[in-house]
Amino acid sequence: MWVHTTPPIVCSMTRIPHDTSGEPNPLKAFSLDQLRRRTSMKWRTYPDDVLPVWVAEMDVELPGPVVRAVTDALRSGDTGYPAGTAYAEALASFAGKRWGWSGLAVERTAIVPDVMLGVVEMLRLVTGPGDPVVVNPPVYPPFYNFVRHADRRIVEAPLGADARLGLDVLERAFRGATEGGGRAAYLLCSPHNPTGTVHTAEELTAVAALAERYGVRVVADEIHAPLVFGGARFVPYLSVPGGERGLSLMSASKAWNLAGLKAALAVAGPGAGDDLARMPEVVGHGPSHVGILAHTAALRDATGWLDALLDGLDANRRLLAELLAEHLPAIRYRPGDATYLAWLDCRDLGLGDDPAEAFLRHGRVALTDGPSFGTGGAGHARLNLAASPEVLTEAVRRMAAAVSAAGGARG
């Protein structure tokens, strides 16, 4: 259901396990003045009069176990090179408890610097220079940038109007990508960024069957996997029938706001272990040892914090729907089942292909521009929900003011 004037009813999150965390909402920990003291990209890209709700950083207080893991390492001088499998073991345990998946084999994992650099390394294992890589736009802009930088060729298989995978569209892309017997890969975004779509087990099983039929290797970016709401259920690609030859990239960085503590894991299905074994040993030198300690602590000891975050994000999804219905009813917004990102269809506002530019110029609020997400991105903008309700309210107020100002400028 699209949001115009009546906000949708959004179900509360279903957890595994189902206990409430009892922890405070980490999105309410800091004032705007405190957030403006941060020195990361979100808070330093634009002047101080701009309200940033764009890049995927969260305005949260970190969970205590993560802070302790990092500070203990600093106090003891444990700041050397990474070693061991603690990160993989923590992820395997989390996957079993959270997703009911026992198939994450620690021996078929490798640490990588981050998810996108891991994606590039996986693509290098299963494709060659100039080979095609299929993506589902509108999709995370670095998919385009990193794939092209790796000297691979993008083939688009756009999502349907319902923001779901179109299997006919995907099959045509696979068929075209493998004509002449060449190698091809499919870079799957699961859950999908920016739409928040959570692919079902049936959809992913169909994807795996198509990939096997056409000889396409699947590389799944599953970084948003811990951030799923409502009745939706995250299904690891490697867990579905036919997904054995897949490769996955996972990380705690998005769900626990650890992008500045670099670390991720490459995970191979039972039929892709030999591929992962060919990854150059030097790639494992890229992750931060302190980052691995932080990610491990998050997965192992900070699931209560994650549940509190998800409750806060769920409330923010409802709040955003209400705010848009009141102040910007022409924006169409379908709350996604995952991520802390909102994909806004602004085409009826008359702001052109890049409404984010108008919001920034006339309202001093920064969103991510839609056209950078590829086909289907024109006329859209992505908004980061991982903020306090006060910041979210002010962002929508500024967006509404920008629309009024832009209309006056055109008049």
Protein backbone atom coordinates (compact mmCIF):
# COMPACT_ATOMS: atom_id res chain seq x y z
CA MET A 1 0.00 0.00 0.00
CA TRP A 2 1.37 3.39 -0.96
CA VAL A 3 1.14 6.21 1.55
CA HIS A 4 -0.68 9.33 0.39
CA THR A 5 -2.88 10.76 3.13
CA THR A 6 -3.47 7.84 5.50
CA PRO A 7 -0.47 6.32 7.26
CA PRO A 8 -0.25 2.52 7.10
CA ILE A 9 -0.46 0.25 10.07
CA VAL A 10 2.99 -1.25 10.54
CA CYS A 11 3.27 -4.45 12.55
CA SER A 12 5.65 -4.61 15.47
CA MET A 13 8.79 -6.66 14.98
CA THR A 14 8.76 -10.41 15.39
CA ARG A 15 11.94 -11.50 17.11
CA ILE A 16 13.85 -14.72 17.45
CA PRO A 17 14.00 -15.02 20.42
CA HIS A 18 10.75 -13.23 21.25
CA ASP A 19 11.76 -11.61 24.53
CA THR A 20 11.74 -7.83 24.86
CA SER A 21 15.17 -6.39 25.48
CA GLY A 22 14.32 -3.92 28.24
CA GLU A 23 17.07 -1.64 26.92
CA PRO A 24 16.48 2.05 26.11
CA ASN A 25 16.01 3.25 22.57
CA PRO A 26 19.59 4.00 21.38
CA LEU A 27 18.22 6.50 18.85
CA LYS A 28 17.26 8.86 21.68
CA ALA A 29 20.66 9.00 23.39
CA PHE A 30 22.10 12.16 21.82
CA SER A 31 20.89 15.69 21.19
CA LEU A 32 21.40 17.36 17.83
CA ASP A 33 24.12 19.55 19.34
CA GLN A 34 25.97 16.43 20.53
CA LEU A 35 25.62 14.77 17.14
CA ARG A 36 27.08 17.80 15.38
CA ARG A 37 30.34 17.23 17.28
CA ARG A 38 30.89 13.99 15.38
CA THR A 39 33.60 14.01 12.72
CA SER A 40 32.32 11.24 10.41
CA MET A 41 31.06 11.64 6.85
CA LYS A 42 27.42 12.12 7.81
CA TRP A 43 28.18 15.16 9.96
CA ARG A 44 31.10 16.70 8.05
CA THR A 45 30.04 16.57 4.39
CA TYR A 46 27.62 19.49 4.62
CA PRO A 47 27.68 22.87 6.43
CA ASP A 48 26.33 23.06 9.96
CA ASP A 49 23.01 24.55 8.85
CA VAL A 50 22.19 21.36 6.90
CA LEU A 51 20.34 18.55 8.65
CA PRO A 52 21.89 15.26 7.41
CA VAL A 53 19.56 12.28 6.92
CA TRP A 54 21.43 10.71 4.03
CA VAL A 55 24.40 8.31 4.33
CA ALA A 56 23.95 5.02 6.24
CA GLU A 57 25.26 6.10 9.64
CA MET A 58 23.01 5.88 12.68
CA ASP A 59 22.59 8.52 15.38
CA VAL A 60 22.97 5.98 18.18
CA GLU A 61 24.82 5.31 21.37
CA LEU A 62 26.89 2.15 20.92
CA PRO A 63 26.06 -0.91 23.01
CA GLY A 64 28.10 -1.36 26.19
CA PRO A 65 29.66 -4.70 25.16
CA VAL A 66 31.08 -3.12 22.01
CA VAL A 67 32.48 -0.12 23.86
CA ARG A 68 34.07 -2.42 26.45
CA ALA A 69 35.62 -4.66 23.79
CA VAL A 70 37.26 -1.70 22.08
CA THR A 71 38.39 0.12 25.21
CA ASP A 72 39.75 -3.08 26.76
CA ALA A 73 41.80 -3.66 23.61
CA LEU A 74 43.15 -0.12 23.73
CA ARG A 75 44.00 -0.32 27.41
CA SER A 76 45.90 -3.55 26.93
CA GLY A 77 47.60 -2.49 23.69
CA ASP A 78 45.80 -5.25 21.78
CA THR A 79 45.97 -3.33 18.51
CA GLY A 80 47.93 -5.63 16.25
CA TYR A 81 46.96 -7.79 13.31
CA PRO A 82 43.74 -9.86 13.22
CA ALA A 83 43.82 -13.59 13.90
CA GLY A 84 41.48 -16.47 14.65
CA THR A 85 37.86 -17.29 13.88
CA ALA A 86 36.00 -15.61 16.76
CA TYR A 87 34.11 -13.30 14.37
CA ALA A 88 32.92 -16.20 12.23
CA GLU A 89 31.96 -18.21 15.29
CA ALA A 90 29.93 -15.30 16.67
CA LEU A 91 28.16 -14.84 13.32
CA ALA A 92 27.40 -18.56 13.07
CA SER A 93 25.86 -18.51 16.55
CA PHE A 94 23.86 -15.37 15.75
CA ALA A 95 22.61 -16.92 12.50
CA GLY A 96 21.45 -20.02 14.32
CA LYS A 97 19.56 -18.11 17.01
CA ARG A 98 18.23 -15.28 14.85
CA TRP A 99 17.50 -16.90 11.51
CA GLY A 100 17.33 -20.58 12.43
CA TRP A 101 20.24 -21.26 10.06
CA SER A 102 22.84 -23.79 11.15
CA GLY A 103 24.64 -23.97 7.81
CA LEU A 104 27.20 -21.21 8.31
CA ALA A 105 30.42 -23.23 8.40
CA VAL A 106 33.27 -21.37 10.07
CA GLU A 107 35.80 -23.22 7.91
CA ARG A 108 34.18 -21.71 4.81
CA THR A 109 34.60 -18.10 5.88
CA ALA A 110 37.27 -15.47 5.46
CA ILE A 111 37.69 -12.01 6.93
CA VAL A 112 37.64 -9.14 4.44
CA PRO A 113 38.06 -5.37 4.96
CA ASP A 114 34.37 -4.55 4.44
CA VAL A 115 31.40 -5.80 2.45
CA MET A 116 31.99 -3.92 -0.79
CA LEU A 117 35.71 -4.73 -0.94
CA GLY A 118 34.69 -8.31 -0.19
CA VAL A 119 32.20 -8.18 -3.06
CA VAL A 120 34.97 -7.13 -5.42
CA GLU A 121 37.18 -10.00 -4.27
CA MET A 122 34.35 -12.52 -4.71
CA LEU A 123 33.59 -11.20 -8.20
CA ARG A 124 37.26 -11.60 -9.08
CA LEU A 125 37.06 -15.25 -8.04
CA VAL A 126 34.09 -16.13 -10.25
CA THR A 127 34.35 -13.72 -13.20
CA GLY A 128 37.03 -12.13 -15.35
CA PRO A 129 37.70 -8.60 -16.66
CA GLY A 130 34.84 -7.36 -18.83
CA ASP A 131 32.41 -10.04 -17.64
CA PRO A 132 28.82 -9.01 -16.83
CA VAL A 133 27.43 -8.56 -13.33
CA VAL A 134 23.65 -8.44 -12.96
CA VAL A 135 22.11 -6.03 -10.41
CA ASN A 136 18.56 -5.10 -9.42
CA PRO A 137 18.04 -1.34 -9.62
CA PRO A 138 17.21 0.91 -7.99
CA VAL A 139 20.08 -0.38 -5.90
CA TYR A 140 22.89 0.77 -3.60
CA PRO A 141 25.06 3.12 -5.72
CA PRO A 142 28.44 1.53 -4.80
CA PHE A 143 27.29 -1.59 -6.66
CA TYR A 144 27.82 0.39 -9.85
CA ASN A 145 31.00 2.11 -8.73
CA PHE A 146 32.82 -0.92 -7.34
CA VAL A 147 31.78 -3.29 -10.14
CA ARG A 148 33.01 -0.88 -12.80
CA HIS A 149 36.19 -0.19 -10.87
CA ALA A 150 36.78 -3.96 -10.88
CA ASP A 151 36.56 -3.86 -14.70
CA ARG A 152 33.25 -5.73 -14.85
CA ARG A 153 30.18 -4.72 -16.84
CA ILE A 154 26.82 -3.88 -15.24
CA VAL A 155 23.65 -5.54 -16.54
CA GLU A 156 20.44 -4.23 -15.00
CA ALA A 157 17.44 -6.36 -14.07
CA PRO A 158 15.13 -3.78 -12.48
CA LEU A 159 12.82 -4.57 -9.59
CA GLY A 160 9.11 -4.58 -10.34
CA ALA A 161 6.71 -1.78 -9.45
CA ASP A 162 6.08 -3.65 -6.18
CA ALA A 163 9.82 -3.42 -5.36
CA ARG A 164 10.20 -7.20 -5.66
CA LEU A 165 12.37 -9.37 -7.89
CA GLY A 166 10.90 -9.99 -11.32
CA LEU A 167 11.96 -13.53 -12.19
CA ASP A 168 11.16 -13.08 -15.90
CA VAL A 169 13.28 -9.92 -15.95
CA LEU A 170 16.07 -11.69 -14.10
CA GLU A 171 15.97 -14.67 -16.47
CA ARG A 172 16.29 -12.38 -19.49
CA ALA A 173 19.28 -10.70 -17.86
CA PHE A 174 20.91 -14.05 -17.07
CA ARG A 175 20.29 -15.34 -20.58
CA GLY A 176 21.76 -12.23 -22.16
CA ALA A 177 24.72 -12.14 -19.77
CA THR A 178 25.75 -15.71 -20.60
CA GLU A 179 25.18 -15.70 -24.36
CA GLY A 180 28.25 -17.10 -26.05
CA GLY A 181 29.25 -19.14 -23.02
CA GLY A 182 30.92 -16.39 -21.01
CA ARG A 183 31.06 -16.14 -17.24
CA ALA A 184 28.60 -13.94 -15.36
CA ALA A 185 27.70 -13.08 -11.77
CA TYR A 186 24.61 -11.82 -10.01
CA LEU A 187 25.18 -9.29 -7.24
CA LEU A 188 22.15 -9.80 -5.02
CA CYS A 189 21.23 -7.16 -2.44
CA SER A 190 19.43 -9.00 0.36
CA PRO A 191 17.67 -7.33 2.14
CA HIS A 192 17.43 -4.78 -0.61
CA ASN A 193 18.83 -1.27 -0.29
CA PRO A 194 17.08 1.20 -0.75
CA THR A 195 13.60 -0.36 -0.91
CA GLY A 196 13.84 -2.47 2.26
CA THR A 197 12.45 -5.49 0.41
CA VAL A 198 13.10 -8.82 2.14
CA HIS A 199 13.33 -11.60 -0.45
CA THR A 200 11.32 -14.68 0.44
CA ALA A 201 12.57 -18.26 0.55
CA GLU A 202 10.50 -18.99 -2.55
CA GLU A 203 11.99 -16.07 -4.45
CA LEU A 204 15.54 -16.96 -3.49
CA THR A 205 15.00 -20.62 -4.38
CA ALA A 206 13.80 -19.52 -7.81
CA VAL A 207 16.85 -17.27 -8.15
CA ALA A 208 19.13 -20.19 -7.31
CA ALA A 209 17.42 -22.37 -9.93
CA LEU A 210 17.86 -19.68 -12.58
CA ALA A 211 21.50 -19.18 -11.61
CA GLU A 212 22.20 -22.89 -11.97
CA ARG A 213 20.34 -23.09 -15.28
CA TYR A 214 22.38 -20.29 -16.82
CA GLY A 215 25.68 -20.85 -14.99
CA VAL A 216 25.54 -17.50 -13.18
CA ARG A 217 27.42 -17.24 -9.89
CA VAL A 218 25.54 -15.48 -7.09
CA VAL A 219 27.34 -13.08 -4.74
CA ALA A 220 24.95 -11.87 -2.03
CA ASP A 221 25.42 -8.65 -0.10
CA GLU A 222 23.57 -9.47 3.15
CA ILE A 223 24.84 -6.61 5.29
CA HIS A 224 21.33 -5.51 6.34
CA ALA A 225 20.28 -9.01 7.41
CA PRO A 226 19.96 -8.24 11.16
CA LEU A 227 17.64 -5.29 10.42
CA VAL A 228 14.33 -6.99 9.58
CA PHE A 229 10.89 -5.96 10.91
CA GLY A 230 7.35 -7.21 11.28
CA GLY A 231 6.27 -10.55 9.91
CA ALA A 232 9.14 -10.63 7.42
CA ARG A 233 11.91 -13.19 7.85
CA PHE A 234 15.44 -12.91 6.55
CA VAL A 235 16.48 -15.98 4.57
CA PRO A 236 20.23 -16.42 3.95
CA TYR A 237 20.83 -17.08 0.27
CA LEU A 238 23.21 -19.92 1.08
CA SER A 239 20.43 -21.69 2.98
CA VAL A 240 18.02 -22.17 0.07
CA PRO A 241 17.97 -25.25 -2.19
CA GLY A 242 20.38 -24.62 -5.05
CA GLY A 243 22.28 -21.90 -3.20
CA GLU A 244 25.24 -24.15 -2.41
CA ARG A 245 27.50 -22.49 -5.00
CA GLY A 246 26.75 -19.02 -3.70
CA LEU A 247 29.01 -16.58 -1.92
CA SER A 248 27.81 -14.15 0.74
CA LEU A 249 29.18 -11.05 2.43
CA MET A 250 28.02 -10.31 5.96
CA SER A 251 28.99 -7.78 8.63
CA ALA A 252 27.85 -6.29 11.91
CA SER A 253 28.68 -2.82 10.64
CA LYS A 254 25.24 -1.64 9.54
CA ALA A 255 23.12 -3.06 12.36
CA TRP A 256 25.43 -1.85 15.15
CA ASN A 257 26.79 1.32 13.47
CA LEU A 258 30.38 0.08 13.16
CA ALA A 259 31.33 1.31 9.68
CA GLY A 260 34.36 3.10 11.11
CA LEU A 261 35.61 -0.16 12.64
CA LYS A 262 36.36 -2.04 9.45
CA ALA A 263 35.57 -5.74 9.23
CA ALA A 264 33.34 -8.15 7.33
CA LEU A 265 33.11 -11.84 6.54
CA ALA A 266 32.99 -13.66 3.23
CA VAL A 267 30.94 -16.84 3.56
CA ALA A 268 30.91 -19.67 1.00
CA GLY A 269 28.24 -22.26 0.40
CA PRO A 270 29.23 -25.96 0.38
CA GLY A 271 29.83 -25.82 -3.36
CA ALA A 272 31.92 -22.63 -3.27
CA GLY A 273 34.50 -23.46 -0.63
CA ASP A 274 37.18 -24.07 -3.26
CA ASP A 275 36.46 -20.65 -4.78
CA LEU A 276 36.85 -18.90 -1.44
CA ALA A 277 40.07 -20.80 -0.79
CA ARG A 278 41.55 -19.13 -3.88
CA MET A 279 41.14 -15.66 -2.40
CA PRO A 280 44.59 -14.11 -1.94
CA GLU A 281 45.84 -14.34 1.63
CA VAL A 282 46.71 -10.63 1.63
CA VAL A 283 43.01 -9.68 1.49
CA GLY A 284 42.75 -10.82 5.12
CA HIS A 285 45.28 -8.15 6.08
CA GLY A 286 42.76 -5.40 5.35
CA PRO A 287 40.29 -5.69 8.25
CA SER A 288 40.96 -3.93 11.53
CA HIS A 289 41.74 -6.19 14.47
CA VAL A 290 39.93 -3.78 16.78
CA GLY A 291 37.06 -3.76 14.32
CA ILE A 292 36.82 -7.54 14.46
CA LEU A 293 36.74 -7.38 18.26
CA ALA A 294 33.90 -4.85 18.08
CA HIS A 295 31.89 -6.83 15.53
CA THR A 296 32.34 -10.03 17.50
CA ALA A 297 31.11 -8.39 20.70
CA ALA A 298 28.09 -6.95 18.87
CA LEU A 299 26.98 -10.30 17.47
CA ARG A 300 27.69 -12.21 20.66
CA ASP A 301 26.68 -9.82 23.44
CA ALA A 302 24.57 -6.94 22.05
CA THR A 303 21.42 -8.55 20.66
CA GLY A 304 19.30 -6.87 23.33
CA TRP A 305 20.59 -3.52 22.10
CA LEU A 306 19.69 -4.57 18.55
CA ASP A 307 16.13 -5.39 19.59
CA ALA A 308 15.77 -1.98 21.23
CA LEU A 309 17.09 -0.36 18.06
CA LEU A 310 14.60 -2.28 15.92
CA ASP A 311 11.74 -1.15 18.14
CA GLY A 312 12.92 2.44 17.74
CA LEU A 313 13.25 2.11 13.98
CA ASP A 314 9.82 0.50 13.75
CA ALA A 315 8.35 3.50 15.59
CA ASN A 316 10.23 5.82 13.23
CA ARG A 317 8.74 4.08 10.18
CA ARG A 318 5.26 4.80 11.53
CA LEU A 319 6.23 8.36 12.45
CA LEU A 320 7.61 9.04 8.98
CA ALA A 321 4.40 7.77 7.37
CA GLU A 322 2.36 10.06 9.61
CA LEU A 323 4.60 13.08 8.96
CA LEU A 324 4.51 12.61 5.20
CA ALA A 325 0.74 12.13 5.22
CA GLU A 326 0.39 15.41 7.10
CA HIS A 327 3.00 17.59 5.45
CA LEU A 328 3.90 16.00 2.09
CA PRO A 329 0.99 13.78 1.01
CA ALA A 330 2.21 13.79 -2.60
CA ILE A 331 5.23 11.68 -1.59
CA ARG A 332 4.58 7.97 -1.98
CA TYR A 333 6.24 5.86 0.69
CA ARG A 334 5.94 2.12 1.18
CA PRO A 335 7.62 1.19 4.50
CA GLY A 336 10.16 -1.53 3.81
CA ASP A 337 10.44 -4.72 5.83
CA ALA A 338 14.15 -4.17 6.51
CA THR A 339 16.96 -1.61 6.81
CA TYR A 340 16.76 1.85 8.35
CA LEU A 341 16.37 3.49 4.96
CA ALA A 342 13.20 4.96 3.46
CA TRP A 343 12.76 5.06 -0.32
CA LEU A 344 10.61 8.08 -1.19
CA ASP A 345 8.80 8.47 -4.51
CA CYS A 346 8.77 12.24 -5.00
CA ARG A 347 7.76 12.32 -8.66
CA ASP A 348 4.44 14.02 -7.95
CA LEU A 349 6.18 16.96 -6.26
CA GLY A 350 7.40 18.37 -9.59
CA LEU A 351 11.01 18.65 -8.39
CA GLY A 352 12.55 16.85 -11.35
CA ASP A 353 14.78 13.81 -11.46
CA ASP A 354 16.75 14.76 -8.34
CA PRO A 355 14.40 15.94 -5.59
CA ALA A 356 17.19 15.57 -3.02
CA GLU A 357 18.93 18.49 -4.67
CA ALA A 358 15.84 20.67 -4.17
CA PHE A 359 15.47 19.55 -0.55
CA LEU A 360 19.08 20.52 0.07
CA ARG A 361 18.99 23.83 -1.78
CA HIS A 362 15.64 25.11 -0.48
CA GLY A 363 15.28 23.26 2.84
CA ARG A 364 18.85 22.66 4.04
CA VAL A 365 18.16 18.97 4.60
CA ALA A 366 20.39 16.33 2.99
CA LEU A 367 18.93 13.10 1.56
CA THR A 368 20.61 10.68 -0.85
CA ASP A 369 19.83 11.40 -4.49
CA GLY A 370 17.67 8.85 -6.32
CA PRO A 371 19.32 8.88 -9.77
CA SER A 372 22.54 7.40 -8.33
CA PHE A 373 20.60 4.17 -7.63
CA GLY A 374 20.26 3.43 -11.34
CA THR A 375 17.14 2.70 -13.36
CA GLY A 376 14.05 3.57 -11.34
CA GLY A 377 15.85 6.10 -9.18
CA ALA A 378 14.86 9.30 -11.00
CA GLY A 379 12.35 11.34 -9.04
CA HIS A 380 13.18 9.49 -5.82
CA ALA A 381 15.26 10.16 -2.72
CA ARG A 382 16.49 7.98 0.14
CA LEU A 383 16.03 9.10 3.73
CA ASN A 384 17.87 7.64 6.73
CA LEU A 385 15.40 6.72 9.49
CA ALA A 386 18.08 6.01 12.09
CA ALA A 387 17.66 9.28 13.95
CA SER A 388 15.70 10.59 16.90
CA PRO A 389 12.00 11.34 16.37
CA GLU A 390 12.84 15.02 16.79
CA VAL A 391 15.42 14.95 13.97
CA LEU A 392 13.05 13.00 11.75
CA THR A 393 10.26 15.50 12.39
CA GLU A 394 12.53 18.43 11.62
CA ALA A 395 13.74 16.74 8.42
CA VAL A 396 10.20 16.41 7.09
CA ARG A 397 9.39 19.98 8.12
CA ARG A 398 12.38 21.19 6.12
CA MET A 399 11.41 19.03 3.14
CA ALA A 400 7.92 20.53 3.14
CA ALA A 401 9.40 24.04 3.35
CA ALA A 402 11.67 23.20 0.43
CA VAL A 403 8.73 22.14 -1.71
CA SER A 404 6.97 25.42 -0.95
CA ALA A 405 10.11 27.41 -1.68
CA ALA A 406 10.77 25.53 -4.91
CA GLY A 407 7.19 26.16 -6.02
CA GLY A 408 7.59 29.84 -5.29
CA ALA A 409 10.84 29.94 -7.23
CA ARG A 410 9.17 28.34 -10.24
CA GLY A 411 6.27 30.76 -9.97
